[in-house]
Amino acid sequence: MPAIQAAQTETSEETLLRATGIKRVFGKGNAGVTALTDIHLEITAGSMVALKGRSGSGKTTLLNILSALDEPTEGQVFFRGEQVTGLSGKERNALRRKEFGLVFQSFGLIPLMSAYENVEFGLRIAGTPVKGNREAAERALERVGMRERMKHRPMELSGGEQQRVAIARAIAHGPALLIADEPTAELDSRMGLQVMRVFRDLVNRSGMTILLTTHDPGIMELVDHVIALEDGKIVSKTTNQTPLI
């Protein structure tokens, strides 16, 4: 595990991701719209955390800032103790390629490619060495229970299976942090539970940290921590002592 940043008091739990004083304003002057204000949070390594809130609460905007896809108007984001905000676009891209995996509610799979080809293509886009791509792709598909279906194209897979392929693509390069925006929104409850089981297995078996957004009360019972947003502010932080999965 990386060393805990010196500014923290010693603890058995490592803070992987930290945000302080985050504010995000879209537009300028009187036309400006404040999407986030006074956001402070810490994500512990090896945990599964959900950002919850209604549409327009700011959760996707916050997720984009935490994943280095967007810059805040004010405030700082730290990953493993190193400041992310203020990095150049090239540096942020490199950070995402190495340390982050991204999953979205729209699976984003290429229709004419098999499950394996979609994952391997993602590795090539990320710039990983071609020599190890086959093993990495197959290993990722096995971790999400899709090795036996890796030759199938997206149209031959269920919604839950397609999302698992999308997860395999996001984890194939071995990220420390998996970030998922409404990953079960397009799935029925049974398939959504399958995806959440995959997430829990990634946390328990490999120590991966998962940060996701949701507005589904059922999903909130399956994670370790829930951070609630309302009108661009954090209004509560709760911990599930015994997640139901």
C-alpha atoms as a PDB file:
ATOM      1  CA  MET A   1       0.000   0.000   0.000  1.00  0.00           C
ATOM      2  CA  PRO A   2       1.183   3.542  -0.636  1.00  0.00           C
ATOM      3  CA  ALA A   3       2.381   5.480   2.380  1.00  0.00           C
ATOM      4  CA  ILE A   4      -0.190   7.538   4.198  1.00  0.00           C
ATOM      5  CA  GLN A   5       0.343  11.207   3.528  1.00  0.00           C
ATOM      6  CA  ALA A   6       2.247  12.929   6.322  1.00  0.00           C
ATOM      7  CA  ALA A   7      -0.506  15.440   7.066  1.00  0.00           C
ATOM      8  CA  GLN A   8      -2.798  12.665   8.320  1.00  0.00           C
ATOM      9  CA  THR A   9      -2.698  11.158  11.781  1.00  0.00           C
ATOM     10  CA  GLU A  10      -1.638   7.524  11.750  1.00  0.00           C
ATOM     11  CA  THR A  11      -4.534   5.169  11.169  1.00  0.00           C
ATOM     12  CA  SER A  12      -5.140   1.641   9.924  1.00  0.00           C
ATOM     13  CA  GLU A  13      -7.311   3.042   7.145  1.00  0.00           C
ATOM     14  CA  GLU A  14      -5.648   4.833   4.252  1.00  0.00           C
ATOM     15  CA  THR A  15      -7.345   7.781   2.571  1.00  0.00           C
ATOM     16  CA  LEU A  16      -7.061   7.137  -1.150  1.00  0.00           C
ATOM     17  CA  LEU A  17      -9.012  10.160  -2.404  1.00  0.00           C
ATOM     18  CA  ARG A  18      -9.636  13.452  -0.624  1.00  0.00           C
ATOM     19  CA  ALA A  19     -11.463  16.608  -1.653  1.00  0.00           C
ATOM     20  CA  THR A  20     -11.383  19.902   0.232  1.00  0.00           C
ATOM     21  CA  GLY A  21     -13.424  23.052  -0.331  1.00  0.00           C
ATOM     22  CA  ILE A  22     -14.722  22.012  -3.764  1.00  0.00           C
ATOM     23  CA  LYS A  23     -16.865  24.558  -5.573  1.00  0.00           C
ATOM     24  CA  ARG A  24     -17.987  24.357  -9.200  1.00  0.00           C
ATOM     25  CA  VAL A  25     -19.637  27.228 -11.033  1.00  0.00           C
ATOM     26  CA  PHE A  26     -20.763  26.981 -14.638  1.00  0.00           C
ATOM     27  CA  GLY A  27     -20.871  30.270 -16.519  1.00  0.00           C
ATOM     28  CA  LYS A  28     -19.776  33.701 -15.345  1.00  0.00           C
ATOM     29  CA  GLY A  29     -21.217  36.697 -13.551  1.00  0.00           C
ATOM     30  CA  ASN A  30     -24.963  36.881 -13.126  1.00  0.00           C
ATOM     31  CA  ALA A  31     -25.378  33.998 -15.547  1.00  0.00           C
ATOM     32  CA  GLY A  32     -23.248  31.690 -13.408  1.00  0.00           C
ATOM     33  CA  VAL A  33     -24.845  28.568 -11.930  1.00  0.00           C
ATOM     34  CA  THR A  34     -23.309  27.030  -8.804  1.00  0.00           C
ATOM     35  CA  ALA A  35     -23.404  23.241  -9.121  1.00  0.00           C
ATOM     36  CA  LEU A  36     -21.273  22.415  -6.071  1.00  0.00           C
ATOM     37  CA  THR A  37     -20.224  24.341  -3.000  1.00  0.00           C
ATOM     38  CA  ASP A  38     -18.111  23.629   0.113  1.00  0.00           C
ATOM     39  CA  ILE A  39     -17.541  19.930  -0.623  1.00  0.00           C
ATOM     40  CA  HIS A  40     -15.243  18.089   1.778  1.00  0.00           C
ATOM     41  CA  LEU A  41     -14.892  14.306   1.663  1.00  0.00           C
ATOM     42  CA  GLU A  42     -12.479  11.416   2.059  1.00  0.00           C
ATOM     43  CA  ILE A  43     -12.654   8.005   0.354  1.00  0.00           C
ATOM     44  CA  THR A  44     -10.934   5.195   2.244  1.00  0.00           C
ATOM     45  CA  ALA A  45      -8.916   2.659   0.269  1.00  0.00           C
ATOM     46  CA  GLY A  46     -10.615  -0.715  -0.141  1.00  0.00           C
ATOM     47  CA  SER A  47     -14.150   0.582   0.374  1.00  0.00           C
ATOM     48  CA  MET A  48     -17.278   0.970  -1.760  1.00  0.00           C
ATOM     49  CA  VAL A  49     -18.855   4.420  -1.522  1.00  0.00           C
ATOM     50  CA  ALA A  50     -22.052   5.742  -3.073  1.00  0.00           C
ATOM     51  CA  LEU A  51     -22.867   9.360  -3.863  1.00  0.00           C
ATOM     52  CA  LYS A  52     -26.640   9.686  -3.738  1.00  0.00           C
ATOM     53  CA  GLY A  53     -28.969  12.484  -4.720  1.00  0.00           C
ATOM     54  CA  ARG A  54     -31.739  13.494  -7.055  1.00  0.00           C
ATOM     55  CA  SER A  55     -31.080  14.611 -10.614  1.00  0.00           C
ATOM     56  CA  GLY A  56     -29.458  18.027 -10.429  1.00  0.00           C
ATOM     57  CA  SER A  57     -28.039  17.463  -6.925  1.00  0.00           C
ATOM     58  CA  GLY A  58     -24.473  17.694  -8.250  1.00  0.00           C
ATOM     59  CA  LYS A  59     -23.363  14.078  -7.889  1.00  0.00           C
ATOM     60  CA  THR A  60     -22.235  13.621 -11.516  1.00  0.00           C
ATOM     61  CA  THR A  61     -20.457  16.981 -11.477  1.00  0.00           C
ATOM     62  CA  LEU A  62     -18.630  15.914  -8.320  1.00  0.00           C
ATOM     63  CA  LEU A  63     -17.780  12.531  -9.832  1.00  0.00           C
ATOM     64  CA  ASN A  64     -16.269  14.258 -12.882  1.00  0.00           C
ATOM     65  CA  ILE A  65     -14.073  16.413 -10.645  1.00  0.00           C
ATOM     66  CA  LEU A  66     -12.963  13.491  -8.473  1.00  0.00           C
ATOM     67  CA  SER A  67     -12.079  11.469 -11.590  1.00  0.00           C
ATOM     68  CA  ALA A  68     -10.013  14.361 -13.038  1.00  0.00           C
ATOM     69  CA  LEU A  69     -12.390  14.769 -15.981  1.00  0.00           C
ATOM     70  CA  ASP A  70     -13.192  18.317 -14.859  1.00  0.00           C
ATOM     71  CA  GLU A  71     -11.516  21.004 -12.758  1.00  0.00           C
ATOM     72  CA  PRO A  72     -13.272  22.701  -9.824  1.00  0.00           C
ATOM     73  CA  THR A  73     -13.731  26.451  -9.714  1.00  0.00           C
ATOM     74  CA  GLU A  74     -12.312  26.364  -6.187  1.00  0.00           C
ATOM     75  CA  GLY A  75     -10.822  23.693  -3.934  1.00  0.00           C
ATOM     76  CA  GLN A  76      -8.412  20.782  -4.267  1.00  0.00           C
ATOM     77  CA  VAL A  77      -8.534  17.056  -4.938  1.00  0.00           C
ATOM     78  CA  PHE A  78      -5.767  14.750  -3.672  1.00  0.00           C
ATOM     79  CA  PHE A  79      -5.104  11.181  -4.807  1.00  0.00           C
ATOM     80  CA  ARG A  80      -2.728   9.172  -2.618  1.00  0.00           C
ATOM     81  CA  GLY A  81      -1.658  12.447  -1.037  1.00  0.00           C
ATOM     82  CA  GLU A  82      -0.726  14.083  -4.344  1.00  0.00           C
ATOM     83  CA  GLN A  83      -2.704  17.070  -5.605  1.00  0.00           C
ATOM     84  CA  VAL A  84      -4.691  16.336  -8.769  1.00  0.00           C
ATOM     85  CA  THR A  85      -6.262  19.749  -9.297  1.00  0.00           C
ATOM     86  CA  GLY A  86      -4.038  22.017 -11.320  1.00  0.00           C
ATOM     87  CA  LEU A  87      -2.439  19.221 -13.315  1.00  0.00           C
ATOM     88  CA  SER A  88      -2.229  19.685 -17.069  1.00  0.00           C
ATOM     89  CA  GLY A  89      -4.669  17.860 -19.314  1.00  0.00           C
ATOM     90  CA  LYS A  90      -1.903  15.467 -20.337  1.00  0.00           C
ATOM     91  CA  GLU A  91      -1.051  14.716 -16.713  1.00  0.00           C
ATOM     92  CA  ARG A  92      -4.717  14.114 -15.810  1.00  0.00           C
ATOM     93  CA  ASN A  93      -5.091  11.760 -18.777  1.00  0.00           C
ATOM     94  CA  ALA A  94      -2.030   9.819 -17.647  1.00  0.00           C
ATOM     95  CA  LEU A  95      -3.421   9.576 -14.108  1.00  0.00           C
ATOM     96  CA  ARG A  96      -6.744   8.206 -15.356  1.00  0.00           C
ATOM     97  CA  ARG A  97      -5.081   5.694 -17.658  1.00  0.00           C
ATOM     98  CA  LYS A  98      -2.925   4.327 -14.840  1.00  0.00           C
ATOM     99  CA  GLU A  99      -4.938   4.663 -11.647  1.00  0.00           C
ATOM    100  CA  PHE A 100      -8.638   5.069 -12.524  1.00  0.00           C
ATOM    101  CA  GLY A 101     -11.240   2.891 -14.204  1.00  0.00           C
ATOM    102  CA  LEU A 102     -14.437   4.520 -15.480  1.00  0.00           C
ATOM    103  CA  VAL A 103     -17.858   2.871 -15.904  1.00  0.00           C
ATOM    104  CA  PHE A 104     -20.996   4.621 -17.143  1.00  0.00           C
ATOM    105  CA  GLN A 105     -24.688   3.718 -17.281  1.00  0.00           C
ATOM    106  CA  SER A 106     -24.498   3.542 -21.077  1.00  0.00           C
ATOM    107  CA  PHE A 107     -22.225   0.559 -21.565  1.00  0.00           C
ATOM    108  CA  GLY A 108     -20.323   2.134 -24.475  1.00  0.00           C
ATOM    109  CA  LEU A 109     -19.377  -1.209 -26.055  1.00  0.00           C
ATOM    110  CA  ILE A 110     -18.477  -1.356 -29.756  1.00  0.00           C
ATOM    111  CA  PRO A 111     -21.248  -3.437 -31.396  1.00  0.00           C
ATOM    112  CA  LEU A 112     -19.105  -5.214 -33.997  1.00  0.00           C
ATOM    113  CA  MET A 113     -16.489  -6.310 -31.458  1.00  0.00           C
ATOM    114  CA  SER A 114     -16.704  -9.328 -29.165  1.00  0.00           C
ATOM    115  CA  ALA A 115     -16.545  -8.923 -25.401  1.00  0.00           C
ATOM    116  CA  TYR A 116     -12.855  -9.840 -25.490  1.00  0.00           C
ATOM    117  CA  GLU A 117     -12.133  -7.412 -28.350  1.00  0.00           C
ATOM    118  CA  ASN A 118     -13.897  -4.579 -26.507  1.00  0.00           C
ATOM    119  CA  VAL A 119     -11.728  -5.112 -23.423  1.00  0.00           C
ATOM    120  CA  GLU A 120      -8.499  -5.558 -25.386  1.00  0.00           C
ATOM    121  CA  PHE A 121      -9.274  -2.472 -27.490  1.00  0.00           C
ATOM    122  CA  GLY A 122      -9.730  -0.488 -24.271  1.00  0.00           C
ATOM    123  CA  LEU A 123      -6.250  -1.544 -23.195  1.00  0.00           C
ATOM    124  CA  ARG A 124      -4.786  -0.380 -26.504  1.00  0.00           C
ATOM    125  CA  ILE A 125      -6.566   2.978 -26.195  1.00  0.00           C
ATOM    126  CA  ALA A 126      -5.102   3.294 -22.684  1.00  0.00           C
ATOM    127  CA  GLY A 127      -1.633   2.769 -24.132  1.00  0.00           C
ATOM    128  CA  THR A 128      -0.721  -0.433 -22.297  1.00  0.00           C
ATOM    129  CA  PRO A 129       2.008  -2.670 -23.794  1.00  0.00           C
ATOM    130  CA  VAL A 130       0.412  -4.850 -26.480  1.00  0.00           C
ATOM    131  CA  LYS A 131       2.386  -7.935 -25.414  1.00  0.00           C
ATOM    132  CA  GLY A 132       0.380  -8.516 -22.235  1.00  0.00           C
ATOM    133  CA  ASN A 133      -3.008  -7.365 -23.471  1.00  0.00           C
ATOM    134  CA  ARG A 134      -4.490 -10.796 -24.168  1.00  0.00           C
ATOM    135  CA  GLU A 135      -3.742 -12.102 -20.699  1.00  0.00           C
ATOM    136  CA  ALA A 136      -4.950  -8.872 -19.061  1.00  0.00           C
ATOM    137  CA  ALA A 137      -8.219  -8.854 -21.043  1.00  0.00           C
ATOM    138  CA  GLU A 138      -8.989 -12.502 -20.336  1.00  0.00           C
ATOM    139  CA  ARG A 139      -8.124 -12.087 -16.660  1.00  0.00           C
ATOM    140  CA  ALA A 140     -10.453  -9.074 -16.353  1.00  0.00           C
ATOM    141  CA  LEU A 141     -13.313 -10.931 -18.058  1.00  0.00           C
ATOM    142  CA  GLU A 142     -12.793 -13.879 -15.728  1.00  0.00           C
ATOM    143  CA  ARG A 143     -12.934 -11.602 -12.684  1.00  0.00           C
ATOM    144  CA  VAL A 144     -16.404 -10.394 -13.702  1.00  0.00           C
ATOM    145  CA  GLY A 145     -17.623 -13.873 -14.642  1.00  0.00           C
ATOM    146  CA  MET A 146     -17.593 -13.313 -18.399  1.00  0.00           C
ATOM    147  CA  ARG A 147     -14.707 -15.474 -19.633  1.00  0.00           C
ATOM    148  CA  GLU A 148     -17.095 -18.085 -21.057  1.00  0.00           C
ATOM    149  CA  ARG A 149     -18.935 -15.371 -22.992  1.00  0.00           C
ATOM    150  CA  MET A 150     -15.930 -13.420 -24.223  1.00  0.00           C
ATOM    151  CA  LYS A 151     -16.461 -14.337 -27.897  1.00  0.00           C
ATOM    152  CA  HIS A 152     -20.009 -12.960 -27.905  1.00  0.00           C
ATOM    153  CA  ARG A 153     -20.861  -9.531 -29.307  1.00  0.00           C
ATOM    154  CA  PRO A 154     -22.858  -7.012 -27.234  1.00  0.00           C
ATOM    155  CA  MET A 155     -26.144  -7.755 -29.033  1.00  0.00           C
ATOM    156  CA  GLU A 156     -25.809 -11.380 -27.895  1.00  0.00           C
ATOM    157  CA  LEU A 157     -25.460 -10.388 -24.235  1.00  0.00           C
ATOM    158  CA  SER A 158     -27.986  -9.287 -21.624  1.00  0.00           C
ATOM    159  CA  GLY A 159     -27.836  -5.799 -20.136  1.00  0.00           C
ATOM    160  CA  GLY A 160     -26.166  -7.118 -16.991  1.00  0.00           C
ATOM    161  CA  GLU A 161     -23.605  -9.030 -19.052  1.00  0.00           C
ATOM    162  CA  GLN A 162     -22.840  -5.954 -21.140  1.00  0.00           C
ATOM    163  CA  GLN A 163     -22.265  -3.915 -17.995  1.00  0.00           C
ATOM    164  CA  ARG A 164     -19.939  -6.614 -16.671  1.00  0.00           C
ATOM    165  CA  VAL A 165     -17.941  -6.422 -19.911  1.00  0.00           C
ATOM    166  CA  ALA A 166     -17.788  -2.634 -19.453  1.00  0.00           C
ATOM    167  CA  ILE A 167     -16.481  -3.211 -15.920  1.00  0.00           C
ATOM    168  CA  ALA A 168     -13.884  -5.678 -17.251  1.00  0.00           C
ATOM    169  CA  ARG A 169     -12.727  -3.038 -19.715  1.00  0.00           C
ATOM    170  CA  ALA A 170     -12.426  -0.513 -16.875  1.00  0.00           C
ATOM    171  CA  ILE A 171     -10.387  -2.802 -14.585  1.00  0.00           C
ATOM    172  CA  ALA A 172      -8.193  -4.604 -17.134  1.00  0.00           C
ATOM    173  CA  HIS A 173      -5.262  -2.231 -16.534  1.00  0.00           C
ATOM    174  CA  GLY A 174      -5.431  -2.740 -12.756  1.00  0.00           C
ATOM    175  CA  PRO A 175      -6.692   0.626 -11.467  1.00  0.00           C
ATOM    176  CA  ALA A 176      -6.686   1.488  -7.776  1.00  0.00           C
ATOM    177  CA  LEU A 177     -10.002   3.339  -8.065  1.00  0.00           C
ATOM    178  CA  LEU A 178     -13.091   2.338 -10.052  1.00  0.00           C
ATOM    179  CA  ILE A 179     -15.514   5.218 -10.660  1.00  0.00           C
ATOM    180  CA  ALA A 180     -19.023   4.360 -11.853  1.00  0.00           C
ATOM    181  CA  ASP A 181     -21.760   6.835 -12.788  1.00  0.00           C
ATOM    182  CA  GLU A 182     -25.197   5.247 -12.248  1.00  0.00           C
ATOM    183  CA  PRO A 183     -23.873   1.794 -13.254  1.00  0.00           C
ATOM    184  CA  THR A 184     -27.183   0.009 -12.587  1.00  0.00           C
ATOM    185  CA  ALA A 185     -29.608   2.656 -13.854  1.00  0.00           C
ATOM    186  CA  GLU A 186     -30.314   0.840 -17.132  1.00  0.00           C
ATOM    187  CA  LEU A 187     -30.650  -2.591 -15.491  1.00  0.00           C
ATOM    188  CA  ASP A 188     -33.506  -4.390 -13.761  1.00  0.00           C
ATOM    189  CA  SER A 189     -33.104  -5.212 -10.069  1.00  0.00           C
ATOM    190  CA  ARG A 190     -31.773  -8.738 -10.645  1.00  0.00           C
ATOM    191  CA  MET A 191     -29.099  -7.649 -13.116  1.00  0.00           C
ATOM    192  CA  GLY A 192     -28.276  -4.633 -10.973  1.00  0.00           C
ATOM    193  CA  LEU A 193     -27.606  -6.991  -8.075  1.00  0.00           C
ATOM    194  CA  GLN A 194     -25.270  -9.040 -10.298  1.00  0.00           C
ATOM    195  CA  VAL A 195     -23.232  -5.925 -11.037  1.00  0.00           C
ATOM    196  CA  MET A 196     -23.094  -4.958  -7.366  1.00  0.00           C
ATOM    197  CA  ARG A 197     -21.859  -8.461  -6.507  1.00  0.00           C
ATOM    198  CA  VAL A 198     -19.057  -7.998  -9.026  1.00  0.00           C
ATOM    199  CA  PHE A 199     -18.181  -4.692  -7.351  1.00  0.00           C
ATOM    200  CA  ARG A 200     -18.154  -6.275  -3.887  1.00  0.00           C
ATOM    201  CA  ASP A 201     -15.939  -9.083  -5.118  1.00  0.00           C
ATOM    202  CA  LEU A 202     -13.467  -6.554  -6.556  1.00  0.00           C
ATOM    203  CA  VAL A 203     -13.336  -4.772  -3.194  1.00  0.00           C
ATOM    204  CA  ASN A 204     -13.025  -7.926  -1.106  1.00  0.00           C
ATOM    205  CA  ARG A 205     -10.600  -9.889  -3.285  1.00  0.00           C
ATOM    206  CA  SER A 206      -8.305  -7.211  -4.689  1.00  0.00           C
ATOM    207  CA  GLY A 207      -8.763  -4.266  -2.348  1.00  0.00           C
ATOM    208  CA  MET A 208     -10.035  -2.056  -5.160  1.00  0.00           C
ATOM    209  CA  THR A 209     -11.806   1.143  -4.128  1.00  0.00           C
ATOM    210  CA  ILE A 210     -15.150   1.843  -5.797  1.00  0.00           C
ATOM    211  CA  LEU A 211     -16.953   5.179  -5.965  1.00  0.00           C
ATOM    212  CA  LEU A 212     -20.357   5.202  -7.632  1.00  0.00           C
ATOM    213  CA  THR A 213     -23.398   7.422  -8.007  1.00  0.00           C
ATOM    214  CA  THR A 214     -26.967   6.227  -7.545  1.00  0.00           C
ATOM    215  CA  HIS A 215     -30.458   7.298  -6.631  1.00  0.00           C
ATOM    216  CA  ASP A 216     -31.601   3.710  -5.974  1.00  0.00           C
ATOM    217  CA  PRO A 217     -32.301   3.081  -2.247  1.00  0.00           C
ATOM    218  CA  GLY A 218     -31.623  -0.630  -2.733  1.00  0.00           C
ATOM    219  CA  ILE A 219     -28.103   0.031  -3.991  1.00  0.00           C
ATOM    220  CA  MET A 220     -27.382   2.257  -1.011  1.00  0.00           C
ATOM    221  CA  GLU A 221     -27.829  -0.740   1.307  1.00  0.00           C
ATOM    222  CA  LEU A 222     -25.100  -2.663  -0.522  1.00  0.00           C
ATOM    223  CA  VAL A 223     -22.199  -0.219  -0.136  1.00  0.00           C
ATOM    224  CA  ASP A 224     -19.956   0.616   2.820  1.00  0.00           C
ATOM    225  CA  HIS A 225     -20.588   4.364   2.935  1.00  0.00           C
ATOM    226  CA  VAL A 226     -23.244   6.702   1.524  1.00  0.00           C
ATOM    227  CA  ILE A 227     -22.653  10.407   0.904  1.00  0.00           C
ATOM    228  CA  ALA A 228     -25.856  12.359   0.230  1.00  0.00           C
ATOM    229  CA  LEU A 229     -25.896  15.507  -1.894  1.00  0.00           C
ATOM    230  CA  GLU A 230     -28.642  18.073  -2.165  1.00  0.00           C
ATOM    231  CA  ASP A 231     -28.475  21.321  -4.136  1.00  0.00           C
ATOM    232  CA  GLY A 232     -24.737  20.935  -4.611  1.00  0.00           C
ATOM    233  CA  LYS A 233     -23.918  20.376  -0.934  1.00  0.00           C
ATOM    234  CA  ILE A 234     -23.174  17.314   1.159  1.00  0.00           C
ATOM    235  CA  VAL A 235     -26.052  16.959   3.613  1.00  0.00           C
ATOM    236  CA  SER A 236     -25.164  13.627   5.254  1.00  0.00           C
ATOM    237  CA  LYS A 237     -22.574  10.854   5.451  1.00  0.00           C
ATOM    238  CA  THR A 238     -23.593   7.417   6.695  1.00  0.00           C
ATOM    239  CA  THR A 239     -21.868   4.055   7.164  1.00  0.00           C
ATOM    240  CA  ASN A 240     -23.435   0.625   6.700  1.00  0.00           C
ATOM    241  CA  GLN A 241     -21.923  -1.526   9.419  1.00  0.00           C
ATOM    242  CA  THR A 242     -23.082  -4.704   7.643  1.00  0.00           C
ATOM    243  CA  PRO A 243     -23.712  -4.104   3.920  1.00  0.00           C
ATOM    244  CA  LEU A 244     -26.297  -6.522   2.533  1.00  0.00           C
ATOM    245  CA  ILE A 245     -23.917  -8.002  -0.020  1.00  0.00           C
END
